[in-house]
Amino acid sequence: MVSEAFRDARIKSLRYGELDRSIVVAAAVRVAERSGVRSVTVRSLATELGLSTTAMYRYVDGKAELLNLVAEATLASVELPVSGSWQQRIRVFARSARTAMLRIDGIADLLQTQPAKGAALQVDTLIQQLVVDAGVPASRRESARLLLMIFVTGSVSFEQALDGLPHGLDVAPETRFEQGLDVLIAGLEAM
């Protein structure tokens, strides 16, 4: 979950020098949650903050940096479990990641193109450890790591793509996700 400080950051009339990075990130996340990741621009951020677009360039270099900030904030809200069996930790991580990503339309697609740094690197490190703890042979660890991330991001992308469209699927999205987790974990156990 995006921290309450991010979610509740409110901009009143800011005086010169009062705007900081956390307020900028909170505003970018609010724009993304409200209208999707594609709506995050320097202009939309300026509007959210009640500032000029030109003034925003003091805080961000452009749209690419803004999207990276939203991606990092999203991943920073994902629970990274350190105790329990590897199966339990995969479930906690995957459910938390799904919940975080479902808040922002299009974020799962964006996350698949972002370099692993900051919170993304922490998530990747956790996944690597989970694959090791699952006993996956060294020659297959990279494939297993990718499979877990692709499952989570792909499930969210699929769910968001179907949102509001007639799709003829009889299984609720949460059930599909849990069944997919069962299959993924069974596959790792079989290794």
N, C-alpha and C. Protein backbone atom coordinates (compact mmCIF):
# COMPACT_ATOMS: atom_id res chain seq x y z
N MET A 1 0.84 -1.17 0.00
CA MET A 1 0.00 0.00 0.00
C MET A 1 0.89 1.24 0.00
N VAL A 2 0.57 2.20 -0.84
CA VAL A 2 1.32 3.45 -0.86
C VAL A 2 1.13 4.09 0.50
N SER A 3 2.22 4.56 1.09
CA SER A 3 2.16 5.05 2.46
C SER A 3 1.12 6.16 2.62
N GLU A 4 0.59 6.24 3.83
CA GLU A 4 -0.42 7.25 4.12
C GLU A 4 0.14 8.65 3.91
N ALA A 5 1.43 8.84 4.17
CA ALA A 5 2.03 10.16 3.95
C ALA A 5 1.92 10.54 2.48
N PHE A 6 2.18 9.58 1.57
CA PHE A 6 2.03 9.84 0.14
C PHE A 6 0.58 10.11 -0.19
N ARG A 7 -0.31 9.26 0.27
CA ARG A 7 -1.72 9.34 -0.09
C ARG A 7 -2.36 10.62 0.44
N ASP A 8 -1.96 11.04 1.64
CA ASP A 8 -2.64 12.16 2.28
C ASP A 8 -1.91 13.48 2.15
N ALA A 9 -0.79 13.50 1.44
CA ALA A 9 -0.08 14.77 1.26
C ALA A 9 -1.00 15.74 0.53
N ARG A 10 -1.29 16.83 1.15
CA ARG A 10 -2.18 17.82 0.56
C ARG A 10 -1.38 19.09 0.31
N ILE A 11 -1.62 19.67 -0.81
CA ILE A 11 -0.93 20.90 -1.16
C ILE A 11 -1.86 22.07 -0.88
N LYS A 12 -1.41 22.96 -0.05
CA LYS A 12 -2.17 24.18 0.16
C LYS A 12 -1.43 25.24 -0.64
N SER A 13 -1.31 26.42 -0.17
CA SER A 13 -0.52 27.40 -0.90
C SER A 13 0.92 27.28 -0.41
N LEU A 14 1.73 26.73 -1.28
CA LEU A 14 3.13 26.51 -0.93
C LEU A 14 3.91 27.79 -1.12
N ARG A 15 4.78 28.05 -0.17
CA ARG A 15 5.69 29.16 -0.33
C ARG A 15 6.97 28.65 -0.98
N TYR A 16 7.73 29.53 -1.54
CA TYR A 16 8.96 29.17 -2.22
C TYR A 16 9.82 28.28 -1.33
N GLY A 17 10.25 27.17 -1.87
CA GLY A 17 11.13 26.25 -1.16
C GLY A 17 10.42 25.20 -0.31
N GLU A 18 9.09 25.26 -0.22
CA GLU A 18 8.37 24.29 0.61
C GLU A 18 8.11 22.97 -0.10
N LEU A 19 8.17 22.95 -1.39
CA LEU A 19 7.91 21.73 -2.14
C LEU A 19 9.15 20.83 -2.06
N ASP A 20 8.93 19.57 -1.66
CA ASP A 20 10.05 18.64 -1.64
C ASP A 20 9.70 17.38 -2.43
N ARG A 21 10.66 16.50 -2.53
CA ARG A 21 10.52 15.29 -3.36
C ARG A 21 9.34 14.43 -2.91
N SER A 22 9.12 14.29 -1.60
CA SER A 22 8.03 13.43 -1.13
C SER A 22 6.67 13.98 -1.56
N ILE A 23 6.52 15.29 -1.58
CA ILE A 23 5.26 15.89 -2.03
C ILE A 23 5.07 15.67 -3.52
N VAL A 24 6.15 15.79 -4.28
CA VAL A 24 6.10 15.57 -5.73
C VAL A 24 5.70 14.11 -6.02
N VAL A 25 6.33 13.17 -5.31
CA VAL A 25 6.01 11.76 -5.52
C VAL A 25 4.57 11.47 -5.13
N ALA A 26 4.14 12.01 -4.00
CA ALA A 26 2.76 11.79 -3.55
C ALA A 26 1.77 12.31 -4.58
N ALA A 27 2.04 13.46 -5.15
CA ALA A 27 1.15 14.03 -6.16
C ALA A 27 1.15 13.18 -7.43
N ALA A 28 2.31 12.72 -7.84
CA ALA A 28 2.40 11.87 -9.04
C ALA A 28 1.63 10.57 -8.83
N VAL A 29 1.74 9.99 -7.65
CA VAL A 29 1.01 8.75 -7.33
C VAL A 29 -0.49 9.01 -7.34
N ARG A 30 -0.92 10.14 -6.79
CA ARG A 30 -2.35 10.46 -6.81
C ARG A 30 -2.88 10.59 -8.23
N VAL A 31 -2.13 11.26 -9.10
CA VAL A 31 -2.53 11.40 -10.50
C VAL A 31 -2.63 10.01 -11.13
N ALA A 32 -1.64 9.16 -10.88
CA ALA A 32 -1.62 7.81 -11.46
C ALA A 32 -2.78 6.97 -10.94
N GLU A 33 -3.04 7.04 -9.65
CA GLU A 33 -4.14 6.25 -9.07
C GLU A 33 -5.49 6.71 -9.62
N ARG A 34 -5.63 7.98 -9.83
CA ARG A 34 -6.90 8.53 -10.30
C ARG A 34 -7.12 8.26 -11.79
N SER A 35 -6.08 8.40 -12.61
CA SER A 35 -6.28 8.37 -14.06
C SER A 35 -5.38 7.40 -14.81
N GLY A 36 -4.57 6.63 -14.12
CA GLY A 36 -3.69 5.67 -14.78
C GLY A 36 -2.31 6.23 -15.04
N VAL A 37 -1.38 5.33 -15.25
CA VAL A 37 0.03 5.72 -15.40
C VAL A 37 0.25 6.59 -16.64
N ARG A 38 -0.54 6.40 -17.67
CA ARG A 38 -0.36 7.20 -18.89
C ARG A 38 -0.70 8.67 -18.69
N SER A 39 -1.44 8.96 -17.64
CA SER A 39 -1.83 10.35 -17.38
C SER A 39 -0.77 11.12 -16.62
N VAL A 40 0.27 10.45 -16.17
CA VAL A 40 1.31 11.11 -15.39
C VAL A 40 2.25 11.86 -16.34
N THR A 41 2.16 13.16 -16.29
CA THR A 41 3.01 14.04 -17.08
C THR A 41 3.46 15.19 -16.19
N VAL A 42 4.43 15.93 -16.65
CA VAL A 42 4.87 17.10 -15.90
C VAL A 42 3.71 18.09 -15.80
N ARG A 43 2.94 18.20 -16.87
CA ARG A 43 1.80 19.12 -16.86
C ARG A 43 0.73 18.68 -15.85
N SER A 44 0.38 17.37 -15.84
CA SER A 44 -0.64 16.90 -14.89
C SER A 44 -0.15 17.03 -13.46
N LEU A 45 1.14 16.83 -13.25
CA LEU A 45 1.71 17.00 -11.91
C LEU A 45 1.64 18.47 -11.49
N ALA A 46 1.96 19.36 -12.40
CA ALA A 46 1.89 20.80 -12.10
C ALA A 46 0.46 21.18 -11.74
N THR A 47 -0.50 20.67 -12.48
CA THR A 47 -1.91 20.95 -12.19
C THR A 47 -2.29 20.42 -10.81
N GLU A 48 -1.85 19.19 -10.51
CA GLU A 48 -2.15 18.58 -9.21
C GLU A 48 -1.59 19.43 -8.07
N LEU A 49 -0.43 20.01 -8.29
CA LEU A 49 0.23 20.78 -7.24
C LEU A 49 -0.12 22.26 -7.27
N GLY A 50 -0.84 22.68 -8.33
CA GLY A 50 -1.20 24.09 -8.43
C GLY A 50 -0.03 24.98 -8.79
N LEU A 51 0.91 24.43 -9.55
CA LEU A 51 2.11 25.17 -9.94
C LEU A 51 2.20 25.24 -11.46
N SER A 52 3.13 26.01 -11.95
CA SER A 52 3.33 26.06 -13.39
C SER A 52 4.15 24.85 -13.84
N THR A 53 3.95 24.47 -15.09
CA THR A 53 4.72 23.36 -15.65
C THR A 53 6.22 23.66 -15.58
N THR A 54 6.58 24.88 -15.88
CA THR A 54 7.99 25.28 -15.83
C THR A 54 8.58 25.08 -14.44
N ALA A 55 7.81 25.41 -13.42
CA ALA A 55 8.29 25.26 -12.05
C ALA A 55 8.56 23.81 -11.69
N MET A 56 7.82 22.89 -12.31
CA MET A 56 7.99 21.46 -12.00
C MET A 56 9.36 20.93 -12.42
N TYR A 57 9.95 21.55 -13.43
CA TYR A 57 11.25 21.07 -13.90
C TYR A 57 12.37 21.34 -12.89
N ARG A 58 12.07 22.06 -11.83
CA ARG A 58 13.05 22.21 -10.74
C ARG A 58 13.10 20.91 -9.93
N TYR A 59 12.05 20.09 -10.03
CA TYR A 59 11.92 18.91 -9.18
C TYR A 59 12.03 17.59 -9.94
N VAL A 60 11.70 17.62 -11.22
CA VAL A 60 11.79 16.42 -12.05
C VAL A 60 12.33 16.80 -13.43
N ASP A 61 13.05 15.87 -14.03
CA ASP A 61 13.64 16.13 -15.35
C ASP A 61 12.65 15.96 -16.49
N GLY A 62 11.57 15.24 -16.26
CA GLY A 62 10.59 15.02 -17.31
C GLY A 62 9.72 13.82 -17.00
N LYS A 63 8.96 13.41 -17.98
CA LYS A 63 7.99 12.32 -17.80
C LYS A 63 8.67 11.01 -17.41
N ALA A 64 9.81 10.69 -18.02
CA ALA A 64 10.48 9.43 -17.70
C ALA A 64 10.83 9.36 -16.22
N GLU A 65 11.33 10.44 -15.67
CA GLU A 65 11.66 10.45 -14.25
C GLU A 65 10.40 10.34 -13.40
N LEU A 66 9.35 11.03 -13.81
CA LEU A 66 8.07 10.94 -13.08
C LEU A 66 7.57 9.50 -13.03
N LEU A 67 7.59 8.84 -14.19
CA LEU A 67 7.13 7.45 -14.23
C LEU A 67 8.00 6.55 -13.35
N ASN A 68 9.28 6.82 -13.34
CA ASN A 68 10.17 6.04 -12.49
C ASN A 68 9.84 6.26 -11.02
N LEU A 69 9.50 7.49 -10.65
CA LEU A 69 9.12 7.78 -9.27
C LEU A 69 7.85 7.05 -8.87
N VAL A 70 6.87 7.02 -9.79
CA VAL A 70 5.62 6.31 -9.52
C VAL A 70 5.89 4.81 -9.39
N ALA A 71 6.72 4.28 -10.28
CA ALA A 71 7.07 2.84 -10.22
C ALA A 71 7.76 2.52 -8.91
N GLU A 72 8.72 3.34 -8.51
CA GLU A 72 9.43 3.12 -7.26
C GLU A 72 8.49 3.20 -6.05
N ALA A 73 7.61 4.19 -6.04
CA ALA A 73 6.66 4.32 -4.92
C ALA A 73 5.75 3.10 -4.85
N THR A 74 5.32 2.61 -6.00
CA THR A 74 4.46 1.43 -6.03
C THR A 74 5.19 0.22 -5.46
N LEU A 75 6.41 -0.01 -5.94
CA LEU A 75 7.18 -1.17 -5.46
C LEU A 75 7.58 -1.01 -3.99
N ALA A 76 7.80 0.20 -3.55
CA ALA A 76 8.16 0.43 -2.14
C ALA A 76 7.00 0.06 -1.21
N SER A 77 5.80 0.02 -1.75
CA SER A 77 4.64 -0.33 -0.93
C SER A 77 4.38 -1.84 -0.87
N VAL A 78 5.14 -2.62 -1.62
CA VAL A 78 4.96 -4.07 -1.66
C VAL A 78 5.63 -4.70 -0.44
N GLU A 79 4.90 -5.61 0.20
CA GLU A 79 5.45 -6.31 1.36
C GLU A 79 6.51 -7.30 0.91
N LEU A 80 7.66 -7.25 1.57
CA LEU A 80 8.77 -8.15 1.27
C LEU A 80 8.98 -9.06 2.49
N PRO A 81 8.28 -10.18 2.54
CA PRO A 81 8.32 -11.03 3.73
C PRO A 81 9.68 -11.69 3.94
N VAL A 82 10.08 -11.77 5.22
CA VAL A 82 11.37 -12.37 5.55
C VAL A 82 11.21 -13.64 6.39
N SER A 83 10.00 -13.92 6.85
CA SER A 83 9.82 -15.14 7.65
C SER A 83 8.70 -15.99 7.05
N GLY A 84 8.71 -17.25 7.44
CA GLY A 84 7.74 -18.20 6.92
C GLY A 84 8.39 -19.08 5.86
N SER A 85 7.66 -20.07 5.41
CA SER A 85 8.18 -20.95 4.36
C SER A 85 8.30 -20.16 3.06
N TRP A 86 9.08 -20.68 2.13
CA TRP A 86 9.22 -19.96 0.86
C TRP A 86 7.88 -19.87 0.15
N GLN A 87 7.02 -20.90 0.30
CA GLN A 87 5.69 -20.87 -0.32
C GLN A 87 4.84 -19.73 0.27
N GLN A 88 4.88 -19.60 1.60
CA GLN A 88 4.13 -18.53 2.26
C GLN A 88 4.66 -17.16 1.83
N ARG A 89 5.98 -17.03 1.76
CA ARG A 89 6.57 -15.74 1.38
C ARG A 89 6.24 -15.39 -0.06
N ILE A 90 6.21 -16.37 -0.96
CA ILE A 90 5.80 -16.09 -2.35
C ILE A 90 4.36 -15.58 -2.36
N ARG A 91 3.49 -16.24 -1.63
CA ARG A 91 2.08 -15.82 -1.60
C ARG A 91 1.93 -14.40 -1.04
N VAL A 92 2.61 -14.11 0.06
CA VAL A 92 2.51 -12.77 0.65
C VAL A 92 3.03 -11.73 -0.33
N PHE A 93 4.20 -11.98 -0.91
CA PHE A 93 4.77 -11.04 -1.87
C PHE A 93 3.85 -10.85 -3.07
N ALA A 94 3.42 -11.95 -3.68
CA ALA A 94 2.61 -11.86 -4.90
C ALA A 94 1.29 -11.15 -4.65
N ARG A 95 0.64 -11.46 -3.55
CA ARG A 95 -0.64 -10.80 -3.23
C ARG A 95 -0.43 -9.30 -2.98
N SER A 96 0.62 -8.97 -2.25
CA SER A 96 0.90 -7.57 -1.95
C SER A 96 1.25 -6.81 -3.23
N ALA A 97 2.05 -7.41 -4.10
CA ALA A 97 2.42 -6.77 -5.36
C ALA A 97 1.18 -6.56 -6.23
N ARG A 98 0.32 -7.56 -6.30
CA ARG A 98 -0.90 -7.45 -7.09
C ARG A 98 -1.77 -6.30 -6.57
N THR A 99 -1.96 -6.25 -5.27
CA THR A 99 -2.77 -5.20 -4.67
C THR A 99 -2.19 -3.81 -4.99
N ALA A 100 -0.88 -3.66 -4.83
CA ALA A 100 -0.23 -2.37 -5.10
C ALA A 100 -0.40 -1.97 -6.56
N MET A 101 -0.21 -2.93 -7.47
CA MET A 101 -0.28 -2.62 -8.90
C MET A 101 -1.70 -2.36 -9.37
N LEU A 102 -2.68 -3.01 -8.77
CA LEU A 102 -4.06 -2.80 -9.20
C LEU A 102 -4.56 -1.39 -8.91
N ARG A 103 -3.87 -0.66 -8.03
CA ARG A 103 -4.28 0.71 -7.73
C ARG A 103 -4.03 1.67 -8.89
N ILE A 104 -3.11 1.28 -9.79
CA ILE A 104 -2.72 2.19 -10.86
C ILE A 104 -2.82 1.47 -12.19
N ASP A 105 -3.77 1.90 -13.01
CA ASP A 105 -3.95 1.30 -14.32
C ASP A 105 -2.68 1.49 -15.16
N GLY A 106 -2.16 0.39 -15.68
CA GLY A 106 -1.00 0.43 -16.56
C GLY A 106 0.35 0.32 -15.87
N ILE A 107 0.38 0.29 -14.53
CA ILE A 107 1.66 0.25 -13.83
C ILE A 107 2.40 -1.06 -14.06
N ALA A 108 1.67 -2.16 -14.20
CA ALA A 108 2.33 -3.46 -14.40
C ALA A 108 3.14 -3.45 -15.69
N ASP A 109 2.59 -2.87 -16.75
CA ASP A 109 3.33 -2.79 -18.01
C ASP A 109 4.57 -1.91 -17.85
N LEU A 110 4.42 -0.80 -17.14
CA LEU A 110 5.56 0.09 -16.90
C LEU A 110 6.65 -0.62 -16.11
N LEU A 111 6.28 -1.36 -15.09
CA LEU A 111 7.26 -2.02 -14.24
C LEU A 111 8.11 -3.04 -15.00
N GLN A 112 7.57 -3.58 -16.06
CA GLN A 112 8.32 -4.56 -16.85
C GLN A 112 9.40 -3.91 -17.69
N THR A 113 9.38 -2.57 -17.78
CA THR A 113 10.38 -1.88 -18.60
C THR A 113 11.34 -1.04 -17.77
N GLN A 114 11.17 -1.01 -16.46
CA GLN A 114 12.01 -0.19 -15.59
C GLN A 114 13.26 -0.96 -15.16
N PRO A 115 14.39 -0.28 -15.06
CA PRO A 115 15.60 -0.94 -14.56
C PRO A 115 15.47 -1.25 -13.08
N ALA A 116 16.14 -2.29 -12.64
CA ALA A 116 16.09 -2.69 -11.23
C ALA A 116 17.02 -1.81 -10.41
N LYS A 117 16.42 -0.85 -9.72
CA LYS A 117 17.17 0.00 -8.78
C LYS A 117 16.22 0.38 -7.66
N GLY A 118 16.75 0.79 -6.54
CA GLY A 118 15.91 1.18 -5.41
C GLY A 118 14.98 0.06 -4.98
N ALA A 119 13.69 0.38 -4.90
CA ALA A 119 12.69 -0.60 -4.47
C ALA A 119 12.60 -1.77 -5.43
N ALA A 120 12.79 -1.51 -6.73
CA ALA A 120 12.76 -2.59 -7.72
C ALA A 120 13.88 -3.59 -7.46
N LEU A 121 15.03 -3.10 -7.05
CA LEU A 121 16.16 -3.98 -6.74
C LEU A 121 15.87 -4.81 -5.49
N GLN A 122 15.20 -4.21 -4.51
CA GLN A 122 14.82 -4.95 -3.31
C GLN A 122 13.83 -6.07 -3.64
N VAL A 123 12.87 -5.79 -4.51
CA VAL A 123 11.91 -6.80 -4.94
C VAL A 123 12.64 -7.92 -5.68
N ASP A 124 13.54 -7.55 -6.58
CA ASP A 124 14.28 -8.55 -7.35
C ASP A 124 15.15 -9.41 -6.43
N THR A 125 15.77 -8.80 -5.45
CA THR A 125 16.60 -9.54 -4.49
C THR A 125 15.74 -10.54 -3.72
N LEU A 126 14.54 -10.13 -3.29
CA LEU A 126 13.63 -11.04 -2.59
C LEU A 126 13.27 -12.21 -3.50
N ILE A 127 12.91 -11.93 -4.73
CA ILE A 127 12.52 -13.01 -5.65
C ILE A 127 13.67 -13.98 -5.86
N GLN A 128 14.87 -13.46 -6.02
CA GLN A 128 16.04 -14.33 -6.18
C GLN A 128 16.20 -15.23 -4.97
N GLN A 129 16.02 -14.68 -3.77
CA GLN A 129 16.14 -15.48 -2.55
C GLN A 129 15.03 -16.52 -2.46
N LEU A 130 13.82 -16.16 -2.85
CA LEU A 130 12.71 -17.11 -2.82
C LEU A 130 12.99 -18.30 -3.75
N VAL A 131 13.55 -18.03 -4.90
CA VAL A 131 13.86 -19.09 -5.87
C VAL A 131 14.95 -20.00 -5.30
N VAL A 132 15.94 -19.43 -4.65
CA VAL A 132 16.99 -20.23 -4.01
C VAL A 132 16.38 -21.08 -2.90
N ASP A 133 15.55 -20.43 -2.05
CA ASP A 133 14.93 -21.14 -0.93
C ASP A 133 13.99 -22.26 -1.40
N ALA A 134 13.44 -22.10 -2.60
CA ALA A 134 12.55 -23.13 -3.17
C ALA A 134 13.35 -24.33 -3.67
N GLY A 135 14.68 -24.21 -3.68
CA GLY A 135 15.51 -25.32 -4.12
C GLY A 135 15.62 -25.45 -5.62
N VAL A 136 15.34 -24.38 -6.34
CA VAL A 136 15.45 -24.41 -7.80
C VAL A 136 16.92 -24.55 -8.16
N PRO A 137 17.25 -25.49 -9.05
CA PRO A 137 18.64 -25.67 -9.46
C PRO A 137 19.20 -24.37 -10.05
N ALA A 138 20.48 -24.12 -9.82
CA ALA A 138 21.12 -22.88 -10.26
C ALA A 138 20.89 -22.62 -11.75
N SER A 139 20.88 -23.66 -12.56
CA SER A 139 20.72 -23.48 -14.00
C SER A 139 19.32 -23.01 -14.39
N ARG A 140 18.37 -23.07 -13.47
CA ARG A 140 16.99 -22.68 -13.78
C ARG A 140 16.49 -21.49 -12.95
N ARG A 141 17.34 -20.95 -12.12
CA ARG A 141 16.91 -19.87 -11.23
C ARG A 141 16.47 -18.61 -11.97
N GLU A 142 17.21 -18.23 -12.98
CA GLU A 142 16.84 -17.02 -13.72
C GLU A 142 15.47 -17.18 -14.37
N SER A 143 15.21 -18.34 -14.94
CA SER A 143 13.90 -18.59 -15.56
C SER A 143 12.79 -18.57 -14.50
N ALA A 144 13.05 -19.16 -13.34
CA ALA A 144 12.05 -19.18 -12.27
C ALA A 144 11.79 -17.77 -11.75
N ARG A 145 12.85 -16.98 -11.61
CA ARG A 145 12.71 -15.59 -11.15
C ARG A 145 11.85 -14.80 -12.13
N LEU A 146 12.15 -14.93 -13.41
CA LEU A 146 11.37 -14.22 -14.43
C LEU A 146 9.92 -14.70 -14.45
N LEU A 147 9.73 -16.00 -14.30
CA LEU A 147 8.37 -16.55 -14.31
C LEU A 147 7.52 -15.94 -13.19
N LEU A 148 8.09 -15.82 -12.01
CA LEU A 148 7.34 -15.25 -10.88
C LEU A 148 6.96 -13.80 -11.16
N MET A 149 7.90 -12.99 -11.63
CA MET A 149 7.58 -11.59 -11.92
C MET A 149 6.60 -11.46 -13.09
N ILE A 150 6.79 -12.26 -14.11
CA ILE A 150 5.89 -12.20 -15.27
C ILE A 150 4.48 -12.64 -14.86
N PHE A 151 4.39 -13.64 -13.99
CA PHE A 151 3.08 -14.07 -13.52
C PHE A 151 2.35 -12.93 -12.82
N VAL A 152 3.03 -12.26 -11.90
CA VAL A 152 2.39 -11.19 -11.13
C VAL A 152 2.03 -10.02 -12.04
N THR A 153 2.99 -9.51 -12.78
CA THR A 153 2.72 -8.34 -13.63
C THR A 153 1.74 -8.69 -14.75
N GLY A 154 1.89 -9.88 -15.32
CA GLY A 154 0.98 -10.30 -16.39
C GLY A 154 -0.44 -10.47 -15.90
N SER A 155 -0.61 -11.02 -14.71
CA SER A 155 -1.95 -11.18 -14.14
C SER A 155 -2.62 -9.83 -13.95
N VAL A 156 -1.85 -8.86 -13.45
CA VAL A 156 -2.41 -7.52 -13.24
C VAL A 156 -2.75 -6.87 -14.58
N SER A 157 -1.85 -6.98 -15.54
CA SER A 157 -2.11 -6.40 -16.87
C SER A 157 -3.36 -7.00 -17.49
N PHE A 158 -3.50 -8.31 -17.39
CA PHE A 158 -4.67 -9.00 -17.93
C PHE A 158 -5.95 -8.54 -17.22
N GLU A 159 -5.88 -8.47 -15.90
CA GLU A 159 -7.05 -8.06 -15.12
C GLU A 159 -7.45 -6.62 -15.46
N GLN A 160 -6.47 -5.73 -15.59
CA GLN A 160 -6.79 -4.34 -15.93
C GLN A 160 -7.32 -4.22 -17.35
N ALA A 161 -6.81 -5.03 -18.26
CA ALA A 161 -7.28 -4.99 -19.64
C ALA A 161 -8.73 -5.43 -19.74
N LEU A 162 -9.13 -6.38 -18.90
CA LEU A 162 -10.50 -6.90 -18.93
C LEU A 162 -11.48 -6.05 -18.12
N ASP A 163 -10.96 -5.17 -17.29
CA ASP A 163 -11.82 -4.39 -16.40
C ASP A 163 -12.89 -3.64 -17.18
N GLY A 164 -14.12 -3.97 -16.89
CA GLY A 164 -15.25 -3.30 -17.52
C GLY A 164 -15.63 -3.84 -18.89
N LEU A 165 -14.89 -4.81 -19.40
CA LEU A 165 -15.20 -5.38 -20.72
C LEU A 165 -15.89 -6.72 -20.53
N PRO A 166 -16.82 -7.06 -21.42
CA PRO A 166 -17.39 -8.41 -21.36
C PRO A 166 -16.32 -9.40 -21.79
N HIS A 167 -16.09 -10.41 -20.98
CA HIS A 167 -15.00 -11.35 -21.29
C HIS A 167 -15.42 -12.80 -21.18
N GLY A 168 -16.58 -13.09 -20.65
CA GLY A 168 -17.08 -14.45 -20.60
C GLY A 168 -16.33 -15.37 -19.65
N LEU A 169 -15.50 -14.83 -18.78
CA LEU A 169 -14.78 -15.66 -17.82
C LEU A 169 -15.64 -15.83 -16.57
N ASP A 170 -15.79 -17.07 -16.13
CA ASP A 170 -16.65 -17.35 -14.98
C ASP A 170 -15.89 -17.28 -13.65
N VAL A 171 -14.59 -17.15 -13.71
CA VAL A 171 -13.78 -17.16 -12.50
C VAL A 171 -13.40 -15.73 -12.12
N ALA A 172 -13.59 -15.39 -10.85
CA ALA A 172 -13.25 -14.05 -10.36
C ALA A 172 -11.74 -13.83 -10.49
N PRO A 173 -11.32 -12.58 -10.71
CA PRO A 173 -9.89 -12.29 -10.86
C PRO A 173 -9.05 -12.79 -9.68
N GLU A 174 -9.54 -12.61 -8.45
CA GLU A 174 -8.79 -13.07 -7.27
C GLU A 174 -8.60 -14.58 -7.30
N THR A 175 -9.65 -15.30 -7.72
CA THR A 175 -9.58 -16.76 -7.80
C THR A 175 -8.59 -17.19 -8.86
N ARG A 176 -8.64 -16.54 -10.03
CA ARG A 176 -7.68 -16.85 -11.10
C ARG A 176 -6.25 -16.64 -10.61
N PHE A 177 -6.05 -15.54 -9.89
CA PHE A 177 -4.72 -15.22 -9.38
C PHE A 177 -4.25 -16.29 -8.39
N GLU A 178 -5.11 -16.66 -7.45
CA GLU A 178 -4.76 -17.67 -6.46
C GLU A 178 -4.50 -19.03 -7.12
N GLN A 179 -5.30 -19.38 -8.10
CA GLN A 179 -5.08 -20.64 -8.81
C GLN A 179 -3.75 -20.61 -9.56
N GLY A 180 -3.44 -19.47 -10.15
CA GLY A 180 -2.14 -19.32 -10.83
C GLY A 180 -0.98 -19.45 -9.86
N LEU A 181 -1.13 -18.86 -8.67
CA LEU A 181 -0.10 -19.01 -7.64
C LEU A 181 0.08 -20.47 -7.25
N ASP A 182 -1.04 -21.19 -7.11
CA ASP A 182 -0.96 -22.62 -6.78
C ASP A 182 -0.15 -23.37 -7.85
N VAL A 183 -0.43 -23.10 -9.11
CA VAL A 183 0.28 -23.78 -10.20
C VAL A 183 1.75 -23.40 -10.18
N LEU A 184 2.06 -22.12 -10.00
CA LEU A 184 3.45 -21.67 -9.99
C LEU A 184 4.22 -22.33 -8.84
N ILE A 185 3.63 -22.34 -7.65
CA ILE A 185 4.30 -22.94 -6.49
C ILE A 185 4.47 -24.45 -6.69
N ALA A 186 3.45 -25.11 -7.22
CA ALA A 186 3.57 -26.56 -7.48
C ALA A 186 4.70 -26.82 -8.46
N GLY A 187 4.85 -25.98 -9.47
CA GLY A 187 5.92 -26.15 -10.43
C GLY A 187 7.29 -25.98 -9.78
N LEU A 188 7.42 -25.00 -8.90
CA LEU A 188 8.69 -24.80 -8.20
C LEU A 188 8.97 -25.98 -7.26
N GLU A 189 7.94 -26.47 -6.60
CA GLU A 189 8.13 -27.63 -5.71
C GLU A 189 8.57 -28.85 -6.51
N ALA A 190 8.08 -29.00 -7.71
CA ALA A 190 8.42 -30.16 -8.54
C ALA A 190 9.88 -30.14 -8.99
N MET A 191 10.49 -28.97 -8.99
CA MET A 191 11.89 -28.88 -9.40
C MET A 191 12.79 -29.50 -8.36
